[in-house]
Every structure is written in structure tokens, then in C-alpha cells.
Amino acid sequence: MKINWGTGIVIAIVAFMSFILVMVIMMSTNKKFNHDLVTPDYYQKELAYQEEIDAEKNANAMTSRIKAEHTPEGIVLTFPEEMHNTNIKGNVFLYRPSNKKLDFSLPLVLSNAQMLIPENRLLDGRWNITVSWKQNGKKYMFKDQIFY
């Protein structure tokens, strides 16, 4: 039997559709390809995003920015002069984009306007750091990427 153009096109379309269908089924059922949202309560955090924008504007309005420096002991965060000897409450959150199990949070504890994130908590690679604090009733937030 001879296959004409019409039959060949139909066979090609059916083969392509079958291939796509098999790939979709494999990707959706395989646990290796399980992708989560960045945070479990993503939509609730999105509603409070304006507060985060305002806190970042407050931090950018300071005389200088927070500086992150890589040292043998870990990462040293140096805070601006305005934060010396003030009552500050906040936390430092380190997010590892490649593995959510490595994410951790530390309370903000300053010593001479500096804070040390110990080396034993950090692996080589990229970290997203978020420092959020409240000073004199005003919220502040600093975000940066660090390569350790």
C-alpha cells in the first residue's frame, strides 16, 4: 500500500500529539519534577507587598546602606551609623534559591553596628538575604544577593 501526502501528514500529527501527551503525563506524575511556590503562603504575602515596598524605601532613605562582607568567620553585616545604640528589633532571613531546606532565619542582634552570620550555616553559592527591622516605630527592609 502506498502512503499519500494526506495520510503522512495525519500520521505525523498523531505521532506528535502522542509524544506531547506522553511527556505531559510523565512530567506531571514524576516526583523528580515537583515544583513548589517560593513560599507556601504566596498569595497572602502578595497582599502585604506594599508594606514591604515602603520598608525598602525607608531603608534606602538612610545615609548609607547595609554592607555585607565575606570573611573567614562568615558574613559580616555592617549597619549604618543611624542604627548605633538604638533599640532595634528584627530578623535576618537567608534564602537559598537552589534548596529550600537550607533557608534559615536569625534574630537581629547587633554588636558595634555589626552582625555575624556564622560560616557553619552557609554553603558555597548564592544566598538571598533579607534584613527586616523596626526602629522608632518605623519599618525597614534591606534585600541583597550574596555569593558565599
Protein backbone atom coordinates (compact mmCIF):
# COMPACT_ATOMS: atom_id res chain seq x y z
CA MET A 1 0.00 0.00 0.00
CA LYS A 2 1.28 3.42 -0.92
CA ILE A 3 1.03 6.30 1.64
CA ASN A 4 -0.07 9.59 0.09
CA TRP A 5 0.55 13.15 1.41
CA GLY A 6 -2.67 13.37 3.40
CA THR A 7 -2.07 10.09 5.23
CA GLY A 8 1.56 11.07 6.01
CA ILE A 9 0.51 14.42 7.48
CA VAL A 10 -2.16 12.76 9.66
CA ILE A 11 0.35 10.15 10.90
CA ALA A 12 2.89 12.91 11.72
CA ILE A 13 0.30 14.97 13.61
CA VAL A 14 -0.93 11.94 15.59
CA ALA A 15 2.68 10.95 16.42
CA PHE A 16 3.50 14.49 17.59
CA MET A 17 0.33 14.74 19.70
CA SER A 18 1.09 11.34 21.26
CA PHE A 19 4.63 12.45 22.08
CA ILE A 20 3.40 15.65 23.75
CA LEU A 21 0.73 13.75 25.70
CA VAL A 22 3.26 11.19 26.98
CA MET A 23 5.68 13.97 28.03
CA VAL A 24 2.94 15.88 29.90
CA ILE A 25 1.88 12.73 31.75
CA MET A 26 5.48 11.86 32.64
CA MET A 27 6.28 15.37 33.91
CA SER A 28 3.13 15.71 35.99
CA THR A 29 3.42 12.31 37.70
CA ASN A 30 7.18 12.16 38.33
CA LYS A 31 8.19 13.40 41.82
CA LYS A 32 11.57 14.50 40.46
CA PHE A 33 9.85 17.40 38.69
CA ASN A 34 7.85 18.64 41.70
CA HIS A 35 7.94 22.44 41.74
CA ASP A 36 6.60 24.36 44.72
CA LEU A 37 5.77 28.01 45.08
CA VAL A 38 8.57 30.07 46.60
CA THR A 39 6.62 30.29 49.86
CA PRO A 40 3.58 28.24 50.89
CA ASP A 41 1.50 31.36 51.65
CA TYR A 42 2.48 33.23 48.48
CA TYR A 43 -0.88 34.90 47.86
CA GLN A 44 -1.22 36.24 51.42
CA LYS A 45 2.28 37.72 51.19
CA GLU A 46 1.38 39.36 47.88
CA LEU A 47 -1.42 41.30 49.58
CA ALA A 48 1.05 42.79 52.10
CA TYR A 49 3.63 43.67 49.45
CA GLN A 50 3.05 47.45 49.68
CA GLU A 51 4.29 47.42 53.29
CA GLU A 52 7.46 45.71 52.06
CA ILE A 53 7.96 48.38 49.37
CA ASP A 54 7.55 51.15 51.97
CA ALA A 55 10.03 49.44 54.31
CA GLU A 56 12.60 49.24 51.49
CA LYS A 57 12.09 52.95 50.71
CA ASN A 58 12.72 53.75 54.39
CA ALA A 59 15.96 51.74 54.33
CA ASN A 60 17.11 53.42 51.10
CA ALA A 61 16.49 56.85 52.65
CA MET A 62 19.13 56.20 55.32
CA THR A 63 22.53 57.92 54.99
CA SER A 64 24.22 54.65 53.98
CA ARG A 65 23.20 51.11 53.14
CA ILE A 66 23.88 47.88 54.95
CA LYS A 67 27.10 46.31 53.71
CA ALA A 68 27.65 42.55 53.50
CA GLU A 69 31.26 41.38 53.64
CA HIS A 70 32.62 37.87 53.24
CA THR A 71 35.10 36.91 55.98
CA PRO A 72 36.62 33.57 57.10
CA GLU A 73 34.20 33.54 60.08
CA GLY A 74 31.14 34.00 57.83
CA ILE A 75 29.27 37.01 56.51
CA VAL A 76 29.54 40.27 58.44
CA LEU A 77 26.68 42.74 58.01
CA THR A 78 27.73 46.32 58.77
CA PHE A 79 24.84 48.65 59.55
CA PRO A 80 24.66 52.45 59.06
CA GLU A 81 25.59 54.97 61.76
CA GLU A 82 21.91 55.74 62.44
CA MET A 83 21.50 52.27 63.91
CA HIS A 84 24.20 52.62 66.58
CA ASN A 85 22.96 52.47 70.16
CA THR A 86 19.26 52.27 69.27
CA ASN A 87 16.57 49.83 70.25
CA ILE A 88 16.15 47.68 67.15
CA LYS A 89 14.07 44.54 66.79
CA GLY A 90 14.10 42.45 63.65
CA ASN A 91 15.42 39.39 61.90
CA VAL A 92 17.76 38.29 59.13
CA PHE A 93 16.40 35.73 56.66
CA LEU A 94 18.71 33.85 54.31
CA TYR A 95 17.03 32.17 51.35
CA ARG A 96 18.79 29.58 49.22
CA PRO A 97 17.15 29.55 45.74
CA SER A 98 18.52 26.11 44.88
CA ASN A 99 17.34 24.30 48.04
CA LYS A 100 14.57 25.50 50.36
CA LYS A 101 15.77 23.12 53.11
CA LEU A 102 18.83 25.35 53.63
CA ASP A 103 16.78 28.51 54.33
CA PHE A 104 17.13 29.90 57.84
CA SER A 105 16.32 32.96 59.92
CA LEU A 106 18.28 34.65 62.70
CA PRO A 107 17.21 37.33 65.17
CA LEU A 108 18.83 40.71 64.55
CA VAL A 109 21.50 41.15 67.24
CA LEU A 110 23.96 43.99 66.71
CA SER A 111 27.40 44.32 68.24
CA ASN A 112 29.10 47.63 67.36
CA ALA A 113 26.63 48.06 64.48
CA GLN A 114 27.67 44.70 63.03
CA MET A 115 26.18 41.23 62.88
CA LEU A 116 27.96 37.99 62.05
CA ILE A 117 26.25 35.17 60.18
CA PRO A 118 28.38 32.14 61.10
CA GLU A 119 30.24 30.27 58.38
CA ASN A 120 28.97 26.86 59.55
CA ARG A 121 25.40 27.80 58.50
CA LEU A 122 26.41 28.75 54.95
CA LEU A 123 27.24 26.63 51.92
CA ASP A 124 29.04 27.90 48.84
CA GLY A 125 26.74 29.51 46.30
CA ARG A 126 24.08 32.17 46.02
CA TRP A 127 22.05 33.36 49.00
CA ASN A 128 19.29 35.98 49.03
CA ILE A 129 19.44 37.92 52.26
CA THR A 130 16.55 39.93 53.71
CA VAL A 131 17.09 42.07 56.79
CA SER A 132 13.89 43.48 58.25
CA TRP A 133 13.73 45.57 61.40
CA LYS A 134 11.67 48.11 63.26
CA GLN A 135 13.25 51.23 64.69
CA ASN A 136 11.32 54.01 66.46
CA GLY A 137 8.01 52.61 65.19
CA LYS A 138 9.14 52.67 61.55
CA LYS A 139 9.69 49.52 59.46
CA TYR A 140 12.82 48.99 57.39
CA MET A 141 13.89 46.27 54.96
CA PHE A 142 17.11 45.54 53.12
CA LYS A 143 17.46 42.91 50.38
CA ASP A 144 20.59 41.72 48.63
CA GLN A 145 22.16 38.72 46.91
CA ILE A 146 25.32 37.23 48.38
CA PHE A 147 27.65 34.72 46.80
CA TYR A 148 29.44 32.80 49.52
